Protein backbone atom coordinates (compact mmCIF):
# COMPACT_ATOMS: atom_id res chain seq x y z
CA MET A 1 139.62 111.30 124.51
CA SER A 2 141.67 114.38 124.80
CA GLY A 3 139.91 117.75 125.64
CA ASN A 4 140.50 118.54 122.04
CA THR A 5 138.43 115.85 121.05
CA ALA A 6 135.15 116.11 123.41
CA ASP A 7 135.81 119.99 122.78
CA ARG A 8 134.75 119.68 118.90
CA ASP A 9 132.40 117.05 118.83
CA ARG A 10 130.67 118.82 121.56
CA GLN A 11 130.50 122.20 119.22
CA ARG A 12 129.51 119.92 115.84
CA ASN A 13 126.89 117.79 118.72
CA ALA A 14 125.32 121.71 119.79
CA GLN A 15 124.22 122.07 115.88
CA LEU A 16 121.85 119.35 115.88
CA GLN A 17 119.49 117.79 118.34
CA ASP A 18 118.18 114.42 118.87
CA ILE A 19 114.97 112.94 119.66
CA TYR A 20 114.11 111.39 122.68
CA ILE A 21 110.39 110.89 123.05
CA HIS A 22 108.71 108.60 126.07
CA THR A 23 106.15 107.27 123.91
CA SER A 24 104.64 104.87 127.15
CA GLN A 25 103.62 108.75 128.80
CA GLN A 26 102.35 110.54 125.83
CA PRO A 27 98.51 109.90 125.41
CA TRP A 28 96.34 108.26 122.59
CA LEU A 29 94.71 110.96 120.63
CA GLN A 30 92.28 110.25 118.10
CA PHE A 31 92.92 109.72 113.76
CA SER A 32 90.01 107.70 112.94
CA PRO A 33 87.23 105.67 113.91
CA GLY A 34 89.02 103.01 116.04
CA ILE A 35 92.00 103.72 115.33
CA GLU A 36 94.85 106.19 117.45
CA PHE A 37 97.88 107.82 117.17
CA LYS A 38 101.54 109.08 118.39
CA VAL A 39 102.96 110.79 116.73
CA LEU A 40 107.14 109.94 116.83
CA ARG A 41 108.75 112.36 114.52
CA ALA A 42 107.47 114.83 111.12
CA THR A 43 109.86 116.09 108.92
CA GLN A 44 109.93 118.57 106.11
CA GLU A 45 113.40 117.90 104.95
CA THR A 46 112.41 114.25 103.70
CA GLY A 47 108.56 114.78 104.04
CA HIS A 48 109.07 111.01 106.45
CA TRP A 49 106.45 111.06 109.23
CA THR A 50 106.43 108.08 111.93
CA VAL A 51 103.94 107.20 113.69
CA MET A 52 102.74 104.73 115.85
CA PHE A 53 99.06 103.47 116.34
CA LYS A 54 96.85 101.70 118.11
CA CYS A 55 93.71 100.23 116.52
CA ALA A 56 90.64 98.17 117.74
CA LYS A 57 89.45 95.57 117.15
CA GLY A 58 87.39 95.67 113.57
CA SER A 59 89.30 98.44 112.81
CA SER A 60 90.60 99.21 109.60
CA PHE A 61 92.08 102.23 107.45
CA ALA A 62 90.78 103.32 104.32
CA ARG A 63 91.80 102.41 100.66
CA HIS A 64 95.21 103.78 100.32
CA GLU A 65 97.63 104.31 97.92
CA HIS A 66 101.75 104.68 99.01
CA LEU A 67 103.16 107.77 97.02
CA GLY A 68 106.11 106.90 99.15
CA ALA A 69 106.95 103.52 101.04
CA GLY A 70 106.47 102.79 104.56
CA GLU A 71 107.87 100.50 107.30
CA TYR A 72 105.65 98.52 109.97
CA TYR A 73 106.84 96.99 112.27
CA LEU A 74 103.49 95.14 114.43
CA ILE A 75 104.58 95.31 118.51
CA SER A 76 101.04 93.21 119.64
CA GLY A 77 97.29 92.18 118.13
CA LYS A 78 97.17 91.15 114.38
CA LEU A 79 96.83 92.85 110.69
CA GLU A 80 95.61 91.77 108.01
CA ILE A 81 96.67 93.55 104.69
CA ARG A 82 94.55 92.74 101.49
CA GLY A 83 92.46 90.63 103.06
CA GLY A 84 95.49 88.50 104.71
CA VAL A 85 97.29 85.18 103.67
CA GLU A 86 93.56 83.39 103.54
CA LYS A 87 92.75 85.54 100.55
CA GLY A 88 96.26 86.47 99.06
CA GLY A 89 97.28 88.96 101.07
CA ILE A 90 100.02 89.34 103.95
CA THR A 91 98.60 88.97 107.58
CA ALA A 92 100.86 89.75 110.15
CA PHE A 93 101.74 88.97 113.36
CA PRO A 94 103.16 91.30 117.09
CA GLY A 95 107.46 90.75 116.13
CA ASP A 96 106.57 90.82 111.79
CA TYR A 97 107.83 93.96 109.87
CA GLY A 98 106.84 95.03 106.78
CA TYR A 99 107.31 96.67 104.14
CA GLU A 100 105.38 98.49 101.37
CA PRO A 101 106.37 100.31 98.09
CA ASN A 102 106.53 103.45 96.64
CA SER A 103 102.63 103.40 94.51
CA ILE A 104 101.75 100.18 96.47
CA ILE A 105 97.64 100.27 96.36
CA HIS A 106 96.17 98.97 99.33
CA ASP A 107 92.32 98.03 99.30
CA GLN A 108 91.89 96.84 102.74
CA THR A 109 94.10 96.86 106.22
CA GLU A 110 92.36 95.83 108.71
CA PHE A 111 92.35 94.23 112.17
CA PRO A 112 90.37 91.43 114.29
CA GLU A 113 91.77 92.10 117.49
CA GLU A 114 93.41 95.48 119.04
CA SER A 115 97.30 95.96 118.22
CA VAL A 116 99.80 98.57 118.22
CA LEU A 117 101.95 98.74 114.95
CA TYR A 118 105.05 101.93 114.77
CA PHE A 119 104.51 102.95 110.87
CA THR A 120 107.32 105.24 108.84
CA ASN A 121 106.62 106.93 105.67
CA GLN A 122 108.74 107.78 103.36
CA GLY A 123 105.92 110.20 101.88
CA PRO A 124 102.71 110.76 101.32
CA ILE A 125 99.85 107.92 101.39
CA ARG A 126 96.99 108.94 98.76
CA PHE A 127 93.63 108.19 100.17
CA ILE A 128 91.51 106.94 97.19
CA ASP A 129 87.98 105.13 96.70
CA ASP A 130 86.97 102.84 94.54
CA ASN A 131 87.23 104.41 91.38
CA ASP A 132 90.67 105.69 92.33
CA ASN A 133 89.90 109.10 93.13
CA THR A 134 91.44 110.64 95.74
CA LEU A 135 89.51 111.48 98.94
CA MET A 136 92.71 112.77 101.15
CA VAL A 137 96.46 112.58 100.59
CA LEU A 138 98.11 112.93 104.14
CA ASP A 139 101.64 114.05 104.08
CA TRP A 140 103.50 115.30 106.90
CA GLN A 141 102.12 118.24 107.45
CA GLY A 142 98.72 117.10 107.35
CA ILE A 143 100.05 114.25 110.32
CA LEU A 144 101.56 117.68 112.89
CA LYS A 145 98.11 118.90 111.98
CA MET A 146 96.44 116.16 113.21
CA GLU A 147 98.07 115.62 116.20
CA ALA A 148 97.43 119.49 116.66
CA GLN A 149 94.07 118.99 116.11
CA ALA A 150 93.16 115.81 118.17
CA ARG A 151 95.18 117.55 121.37
CA SER A 152 93.47 119.95 120.88
CA ALA A 153 90.38 117.99 121.14
CA LEU A 154 91.67 116.10 124.21
CA GLY A 155 92.58 119.65 126.19
CA ALA A 156 88.97 121.22 125.66
CA ARG A 157 87.47 118.26 127.68
């Protein structure tokens, strides 16, 4: 690489910033009963947010609708969506990848054993009751707020 190219690349790259997170050194933070999380990235530019979840055996995510497509990769454990494969849903095992399209509703997302998953969403998630009433909308700002509150609570101990 010539000196000119290296200088040009260095100048261009100085305007950008890579993100590196040593996830093993980050604490697990309280997300909801039985579920902890680590924020990897949340961005206002696209509304995209990425987290890791650690889910205790028997924990679950409440009924929700994706207002942006989501993707997950199950690192360990077992994940059952809509009751799992035995009830017509999906059962994911370590190494499995899933894509959740915009507007899909998940009535049941359960963890029959302790599980860790990588999850990224391309917009908000709307938590809803059985009549489709909105209980809460979780977006990139909400994820960052939850992280700040959980870190504060962790520091207060």
